[in-house]
Amino acid sequence: MAKKLNHIQEKKINEFIKKRSERKDLDEIQQAFIDSIVLNGLNNKEVAALLFAVMRNILLMNGNKPIIEHLGLTEKDMTIDNVQLVQKILLEEYLKDVK
């Protein structure tokens, strides 16, 4: 039987989760991706397919549809070239912000 957390424990866990969710350490996230890829023994072609699929799926999420629509694209238009183009645009914007 699981022991129920007391108020202080719940508060500390919630503070930890909130602090962790506010911190976007892209290096840590990147390393987690790399570790997963290495552990699963993916080759370069498989990694390319995986990263394409992840980006395409992210772009097609409801919250990101305005980006696609702004570019005049639909779900059917999300080809390799178009996904890479949108990713390039977003990356260029990101790099402007971090300079």
Protein backbone atom coordinates (compact mmCIF):
# COMPACT_ATOMS: atom_id res chain seq x y z
CA MET A 1 0.00 0.00 0.00
CA ALA A 2 1.41 3.37 -1.03
CA LYS A 3 2.03 5.90 1.73
CA LYS A 4 0.22 9.19 1.24
CA LEU A 5 2.41 12.29 1.00
CA ASN A 6 2.08 14.94 3.65
CA HIS A 7 1.49 18.62 2.83
CA ILE A 8 5.19 19.55 3.04
CA GLN A 9 6.24 16.69 0.76
CA GLU A 10 3.59 17.60 -1.80
CA LYS A 11 4.68 21.25 -1.68
CA LYS A 12 8.34 20.37 -2.21
CA ILE A 13 7.53 18.04 -5.10
CA ASN A 14 5.30 20.64 -6.74
CA GLU A 15 8.00 23.32 -6.33
CA PHE A 16 10.58 20.99 -7.88
CA ILE A 17 8.31 20.20 -10.82
CA LYS A 18 7.48 23.88 -11.35
CA LYS A 19 11.14 24.89 -11.17
CA ARG A 20 12.11 22.07 -13.54
CA SER A 21 9.35 22.95 -16.04
CA GLU A 22 10.39 26.62 -16.07
CA ARG A 23 13.96 25.70 -16.93
CA LYS A 24 14.53 24.83 -20.54
CA ASP A 25 18.02 23.48 -20.69
CA LEU A 26 18.31 22.64 -24.37
CA ASP A 27 21.70 21.00 -23.80
CA GLU A 28 20.15 18.53 -21.34
CA ILE A 29 17.23 17.83 -23.64
CA GLN A 30 19.60 17.33 -26.58
CA GLN A 31 21.71 14.93 -24.54
CA ALA A 32 18.59 12.95 -23.58
CA PHE A 33 17.75 12.59 -27.27
CA ILE A 34 21.30 11.52 -28.11
CA ASP A 35 21.36 9.03 -25.24
CA SER A 36 18.09 7.50 -26.43
CA ILE A 37 19.36 7.27 -30.00
CA VAL A 38 22.59 5.59 -28.88
CA LEU A 39 20.79 3.19 -26.52
CA ASN A 40 18.47 2.15 -29.34
CA GLY A 41 21.32 1.75 -31.81
CA LEU A 42 19.78 3.95 -34.48
CA ASN A 43 21.76 4.62 -37.64
CA ASN A 44 21.92 8.01 -39.37
CA LYS A 45 19.04 7.23 -41.74
CA GLU A 46 16.82 6.18 -38.86
CA VAL A 47 17.75 9.32 -36.90
CA ALA A 48 16.92 11.49 -39.92
CA ALA A 49 13.53 9.78 -40.28
CA LEU A 50 12.84 10.09 -36.56
CA LEU A 51 13.73 13.79 -36.35
CA PHE A 52 11.67 14.54 -39.46
CA ALA A 53 8.67 12.71 -38.00
CA VAL A 54 9.02 14.49 -34.65
CA MET A 55 9.19 17.93 -36.29
CA ARG A 56 6.29 17.17 -38.62
CA ASN A 57 4.14 15.92 -35.74
CA ILE A 58 5.00 18.95 -33.61
CA LEU A 59 4.12 21.32 -36.46
CA LEU A 60 0.78 19.59 -36.95
CA MET A 61 -0.25 19.98 -33.31
CA ASN A 62 -3.22 22.30 -32.80
CA GLY A 63 -1.13 24.98 -31.10
CA ASN A 64 1.20 25.20 -34.07
CA LYS A 65 -1.37 25.20 -36.85
CA PRO A 66 -1.28 29.04 -37.10
CA ILE A 67 2.39 28.82 -38.14
CA ILE A 68 1.54 26.38 -40.93
CA GLU A 69 -1.51 28.36 -42.03
CA HIS A 70 0.48 31.63 -41.99
CA LEU A 71 2.85 30.04 -44.49
CA GLY A 72 -0.08 28.91 -46.64
CA LEU A 73 0.52 25.24 -45.91
CA THR A 74 -1.88 22.44 -45.02
CA GLU A 75 -1.30 19.02 -43.49
CA LYS A 76 -1.02 17.55 -46.99
CA ASP A 77 1.73 20.05 -47.79
CA MET A 78 3.95 18.85 -44.95
CA THR A 79 6.50 17.16 -47.18
CA ILE A 80 10.17 16.68 -46.34
CA ASP A 81 11.07 19.92 -48.11
CA ASN A 82 8.33 21.98 -46.46
CA VAL A 83 8.98 20.62 -42.97
CA GLN A 84 12.66 21.41 -43.40
CA LEU A 85 11.81 24.88 -44.68
CA VAL A 86 9.57 25.64 -41.68
CA GLN A 87 12.22 24.26 -39.36
CA LYS A 88 14.84 26.49 -41.01
CA ILE A 89 12.63 29.56 -40.59
CA LEU A 90 11.97 28.75 -36.93
CA LEU A 91 15.65 28.06 -36.27
CA GLU A 92 16.69 31.36 -37.85
CA GLU A 93 14.15 33.18 -35.63
CA TYR A 94 15.42 31.33 -32.57
CA LEU A 95 19.02 32.27 -33.34
CA LYS A 96 18.06 35.94 -33.64
CA ASP A 97 16.52 35.78 -30.16
CA VAL A 98 19.53 34.18 -28.46
CA LYS A 99 22.10 36.62 -29.81
